[in-house]
C-alpha atoms as a PDB file:
ATOM      1  CA  MET A   1     123.711 118.923  76.106  1.00  0.00           C
ATOM      2  CA  SER A   2     125.018 115.383  76.089  1.00  0.00           C
ATOM      3  CA  ASP A   3     123.362 114.502  79.428  1.00  0.00           C
ATOM      4  CA  GLU A   4     119.882 115.640  78.302  1.00  0.00           C
ATOM      5  CA  PRO A   5     118.633 112.149  77.303  1.00  0.00           C
ATOM      6  CA  ALA A   6     119.632 110.763  80.696  1.00  0.00           C
ATOM      7  CA  ARG A   7     118.216 113.762  82.572  1.00  0.00           C
ATOM      8  CA  TRP A   8     114.631 113.292  81.360  1.00  0.00           C
ATOM      9  CA  ARG A   9     114.791 109.652  82.435  1.00  0.00           C
ATOM     10  CA  HIS A  10     115.959 110.543  85.908  1.00  0.00           C
ATOM     11  CA  ASP A  11     113.362 113.326  86.167  1.00  0.00           C
ATOM     12  CA  PHE A  12     110.677 110.763  85.264  1.00  0.00           C
ATOM     13  CA  VAL A  13     111.936 108.310  87.897  1.00  0.00           C
ATOM     14  CA  GLU A  14     112.103 111.016  90.576  1.00  0.00           C
ATOM     15  CA  ARG A  15     108.587 112.219  89.845  1.00  0.00           C
ATOM     16  CA  MET A  16     107.233 108.663  89.829  1.00  0.00           C
ATOM     17  CA  ALA A  17     108.979 107.888  93.125  1.00  0.00           C
ATOM     18  CA  ALA A  18     107.367 110.982  94.622  1.00  0.00           C
ATOM     19  CA  LEU A  19     104.009 109.353  93.817  1.00  0.00           C
ATOM     20  CA  GLY A  20     104.957 106.330  95.917  1.00  0.00           C
ATOM     21  CA  ASP A  21     102.197 106.985  98.422  1.00  0.00           C
ATOM     22  CA  THR A  22      99.610 106.408  95.703  1.00  0.00           C
ATOM     23  CA  THR A  23     101.126 103.088  94.643  1.00  0.00           C
ATOM     24  CA  GLY A  24     101.466 101.652  98.123  1.00  0.00           C
ATOM     25  CA  LEU A  25     105.006 100.546  97.272  1.00  0.00           C
ATOM     26  CA  PRO A  26     108.237 101.787  98.855  1.00  0.00           C
ATOM     27  CA  PRO A  27     109.949 104.550  96.832  1.00  0.00           C
ATOM     28  CA  SER A  28     112.795 102.235  95.802  1.00  0.00           C
ATOM     29  CA  PHE A  29     110.296  99.790  94.254  1.00  0.00           C
ATOM     30  CA  THR A  30     108.649 102.621  92.352  1.00  0.00           C
ATOM     31  CA  GLN A  31     112.063 103.874  91.206  1.00  0.00           C
ATOM     32  CA  VAL A  32     113.034 100.466  89.802  1.00  0.00           C
ATOM     33  CA  PHE A  33     109.662 100.061  88.105  1.00  0.00           C
ATOM     34  CA  ALA A  34     109.795 103.583  86.628  1.00  0.00           C
ATOM     35  CA  TRP A  35     113.377 103.103  85.431  1.00  0.00           C
ATOM     36  CA  LEU A  36     112.415  99.905  83.634  1.00  0.00           C
ATOM     37  CA  VAL A  37     109.747 101.918  81.801  1.00  0.00           C
ATOM     38  CA  VAL A  38     112.246 104.407  80.342  1.00  0.00           C
ATOM     39  CA  CYS A  39     115.695 102.767  80.380  1.00  0.00           C
ATOM     40  CA  ASP A  40     117.740 101.901  77.332  1.00  0.00           C
ATOM     41  CA  PRO A  41     118.335  99.031  76.810  1.00  0.00           C
ATOM     42  CA  PRO A  42     114.981  97.779  78.129  1.00  0.00           C
ATOM     43  CA  GLN A  43     116.615  95.044  80.228  1.00  0.00           C
ATOM     44  CA  GLN A  44     118.875  96.066  83.100  1.00  0.00           C
ATOM     45  CA  SER A  45     121.260  94.131  85.307  1.00  0.00           C
ATOM     46  CA  VAL A  46     121.400  94.756  89.039  1.00  0.00           C
ATOM     47  CA  GLU A  47     124.616  96.700  88.479  1.00  0.00           C
ATOM     48  CA  GLN A  48     122.954  98.895  85.843  1.00  0.00           C
ATOM     49  CA  LEU A  49     120.004  99.522  88.146  1.00  0.00           C
ATOM     50  CA  ARG A  50     122.331 100.431  91.012  1.00  0.00           C
ATOM     51  CA  ALA A  51     124.369 102.789  88.845  1.00  0.00           C
ATOM     52  CA  ALA A  52     121.320 104.484  87.361  1.00  0.00           C
ATOM     53  CA  LEU A  53     119.301 104.813  90.561  1.00  0.00           C
ATOM     54  CA  GLY A  54     121.940 105.061  93.272  1.00  0.00           C
ATOM     55  CA  LEU A  55     120.207 102.399  95.351  1.00  0.00           C
ATOM     56  CA  SER A  56     121.872  99.705  97.446  1.00  0.00           C
ATOM     57  CA  ALA A  57     122.092  96.113  96.270  1.00  0.00           C
ATOM     58  CA  GLY A  58     119.610  95.173  99.001  1.00  0.00           C
ATOM     59  CA  ALA A  59     117.082  97.771  97.845  1.00  0.00           C
ATOM     60  CA  ILE A  60     117.417  96.594  94.242  1.00  0.00           C
ATOM     61  CA  SER A  61     117.063  92.968  95.306  1.00  0.00           C
ATOM     62  CA  ALA A  62     113.942  93.650  97.387  1.00  0.00           C
ATOM     63  CA  ALA A  63     112.390  95.773  94.629  1.00  0.00           C
ATOM     64  CA  THR A  64     113.048  93.336  91.805  1.00  0.00           C
ATOM     65  CA  ALA A  65     111.899  90.324  93.853  1.00  0.00           C
ATOM     66  CA  THR A  66     108.616  92.037  94.715  1.00  0.00           C
ATOM     67  CA  LEU A  67     108.038  93.392  91.208  1.00  0.00           C
ATOM     68  CA  VAL A  68     108.678  89.914  89.762  1.00  0.00           C
ATOM     69  CA  ARG A  69     106.289  88.364  92.306  1.00  0.00           C
ATOM     70  CA  LEU A  70     103.622  90.928  91.375  1.00  0.00           C
ATOM     71  CA  GLY A  71     104.044  90.015  87.711  1.00  0.00           C
ATOM     72  CA  LEU A  72     105.152  93.499  86.673  1.00  0.00           C
ATOM     73  CA  VAL A  73     108.796  92.690  85.937  1.00  0.00           C
ATOM     74  CA  GLU A  74     110.483  89.588  84.584  1.00  0.00           C
ATOM     75  CA  ARG A  75     113.966  88.120  84.865  1.00  0.00           C
ATOM     76  CA  VAL A  76     115.750  87.640  81.571  1.00  0.00           C
ATOM     77  CA  SER A  77     119.001  86.055  80.482  1.00  0.00           C
ATOM     78  CA  GLN A  78     121.407  88.180  78.511  1.00  0.00           C
ATOM     79  CA  ALA A  79     123.352  86.591  75.705  1.00  0.00           C
ATOM     80  CA  GLY A  80     126.962  86.002  76.685  1.00  0.00           C
ATOM     81  CA  GLN A  81     126.468  87.034  80.302  1.00  0.00           C
ATOM     82  CA  ARG A  82     126.012  84.957  83.429  1.00  0.00           C
ATOM     83  CA  ARG A  83     124.066  87.593  85.307  1.00  0.00           C
ATOM     84  CA  LEU A  84     120.332  87.950  85.030  1.00  0.00           C
ATOM     85  CA  ALA A  85     118.700  91.170  84.020  1.00  0.00           C
ATOM     86  CA  TYR A  86     115.231  92.572  84.594  1.00  0.00           C
ATOM     87  CA  ARG A  87     112.718  94.167  82.263  1.00  0.00           C
ATOM     88  CA  LEU A  88     109.170  95.376  82.361  1.00  0.00           C
ATOM     89  CA  ARG A  89     106.724  92.624  81.470  1.00  0.00           C
ATOM     90  CA  PRO A  90     104.503  93.202  78.491  1.00  0.00           C
ATOM     91  CA  ARG A  91     101.202  94.733  79.608  1.00  0.00           C
ATOM     92  CA  ALA A  92     102.589  95.514  83.058  1.00  0.00           C
ATOM     93  CA  TRP A  93     100.495  98.664  83.269  1.00  0.00           C
ATOM     94  CA  GLU A  94      97.318  96.720  82.656  1.00  0.00           C
ATOM     95  CA  ARG A  95      98.362  94.206  85.302  1.00  0.00           C
ATOM     96  CA  LEU A  96      98.914  97.056  87.743  1.00  0.00           C
ATOM     97  CA  LEU A  97      95.448  98.439  87.007  1.00  0.00           C
ATOM     98  CA  ARG A  98      93.916  94.966  87.381  1.00  0.00           C
ATOM     99  CA  MET A  99      95.499  94.728  90.842  1.00  0.00           C
ATOM    100  CA  ARG A 100      93.798  98.022  91.715  1.00  0.00           C
ATOM    101  CA  LEU A 101      90.558  96.660  90.289  1.00  0.00           C
ATOM    102  CA  ASP A 102      90.815  93.536  92.443  1.00  0.00           C
ATOM    103  CA  ALA A 103      91.354  95.697  95.535  1.00  0.00           C
ATOM    104  CA  THR A 104      88.357  97.840  94.583  1.00  0.00           C
ATOM    105  CA  ARG A 105      86.215  94.711  94.198  1.00  0.00           C
ATOM    106  CA  GLU A 106      87.232  93.561  97.674  1.00  0.00           C
ATOM    107  CA  ILE A 107      86.322  96.952  99.125  1.00  0.00           C
ATOM    108  CA  CYS A 108      82.947  96.844  97.334  1.00  0.00           C
ATOM    109  CA  ALA A 109      82.245  93.354  98.697  1.00  0.00           C
ATOM    110  CA  THR A 110      83.117  94.533 102.204  1.00  0.00           C
ATOM    111  CA  ALA A 111      80.789  97.514 101.798  1.00  0.00           C
ATOM    112  CA  ASP A 112      78.031  95.241 100.476  1.00  0.00           C
ATOM    113  CA  ASP A 113      78.392  92.990 103.526  1.00  0.00           C
ATOM    114  CA  ALA A 114      78.223  95.981 105.846  1.00  0.00           C
ATOM    115  CA  LEU A 115      75.211  97.450 104.028  1.00  0.00           C
ATOM    116  CA  ALA A 116      73.381  94.132 104.396  1.00  0.00           C
ATOM    117  CA  HIS A 117      73.651  94.527 108.174  1.00  0.00           C
ATOM    118  CA  VAL A 118      73.084  98.264 108.575  1.00  0.00           C
ATOM    119  CA  PRO A 119      69.857  98.704 110.536  1.00  0.00           C
ATOM    120  CA  GLY A 120      68.938 101.915 108.720  1.00  0.00           C
ATOM    121  CA  PRO A 121      70.162 104.294 106.047  1.00  0.00           C
ATOM    122  CA  HIS A 122      73.887 104.947 105.998  1.00  0.00           C
ATOM    123  CA  ASP A 123      74.580 107.613 103.418  1.00  0.00           C
ATOM    124  CA  ARG A 124      78.381 107.673 103.721  1.00  0.00           C
ATOM    125  CA  LEU A 125      78.709 103.915 103.252  1.00  0.00           C
ATOM    126  CA  ARG A 126      76.227 103.920 100.364  1.00  0.00           C
ATOM    127  CA  GLU A 127      78.075 106.798  98.694  1.00  0.00           C
ATOM    128  CA  MET A 128      81.407 104.985  99.079  1.00  0.00           C
ATOM    129  CA  ARG A 129      79.922 101.844  97.527  1.00  0.00           C
ATOM    130  CA  ALA A 130      78.314 103.785  94.677  1.00  0.00           C
ATOM    131  CA  VAL A 131      81.506 105.654  93.769  1.00  0.00           C
ATOM    132  CA  LEU A 132      83.689 102.555  93.925  1.00  0.00           C
ATOM    133  CA  GLY A 133      81.109 100.488  92.052  1.00  0.00           C
ATOM    134  CA  HIS A 134      81.103 103.055  89.255  1.00  0.00           C
ATOM    135  CA  PHE A 135      84.914 103.077  89.200  1.00  0.00           C
ATOM    136  CA  GLU A 136      84.967  99.270  89.081  1.00  0.00           C
ATOM    137  CA  ALA A 137      82.499  99.038  86.187  1.00  0.00           C
ATOM    138  CA  THR A 138      84.261 101.769  84.222  1.00  0.00           C
ATOM    139  CA  LEU A 139      87.714 100.272  84.717  1.00  0.00           C
ATOM    140  CA  VAL A 140      86.485  96.807  83.711  1.00  0.00           C
ATOM    141  CA  ALA A 141      85.094  98.265  80.483  1.00  0.00           C
ATOM    142  CA  LEU A 142      88.284 100.201  79.765  1.00  0.00           C
ATOM    143  CA  LEU A 143      90.534  97.204  80.386  1.00  0.00           C
ATOM    144  CA  ASP A 144      88.307  94.956  78.293  1.00  0.00           C
ATOM    145  CA  ASP A 145      88.653  97.440  75.431  1.00  0.00           C
ATOM    146  CA  ARG A 146      92.462  97.128  75.766  1.00  0.00           C
ATOM    147  CA  ARG A 147      92.513  93.350  75.265  1.00  0.00           C
ATOM    148  CA  GLU A 148      94.523  92.223  72.316  1.00  0.00           C
ATOM    149  CA  PRO A 149      92.521  91.109  69.269  1.00  0.00           C
ATOM    150  CA  GLY A 150      91.460  87.487  69.599  1.00  0.00           C
ATOM    151  CA  SER A 151      92.113  87.395  73.353  1.00  0.00           C
ATOM    152  CA  THR A 152      89.361  85.879  75.488  1.00  0.00           C
ATOM    153  CA  ARG A 153      90.962  86.327  78.872  1.00  0.00           C
ATOM    154  CA  PRO A 154      92.187  89.293  80.908  1.00  0.00           C
ATOM    155  CA  ALA A 155      95.838  90.291  80.748  1.00  0.00           C
END
């Protein structure tokens, strides 16, 4: 089974891309991100990404540009080659979770503002705020536990 190592990688990418609705990113972005999690070598040129994923140059370009802008992927030079390559940034998963945390904080602040103006009880809004507030506090604690020794700032 010589193609077995490659098959598990592609299965992983396909399953991750199927979760695209939960990430809020287009499937091609999720595919590039997922591939950079499991590829060997860890840095990939545009040509390698295209060959592995079967995506167009435009899709790869849009995905890598957005993932770089989000701080999840970085451009790297490859020794002896003129073309840039891309790789997953260290602690990219924590960065991704911190982005979710920031969004949750914004939702909580919006709920707090609304609750300050609600003329009476509003159980659904209060429940939403309570659940998200719990999620926020728990995720903050979990991410703080993941900080590298000696670090005083978030990833």
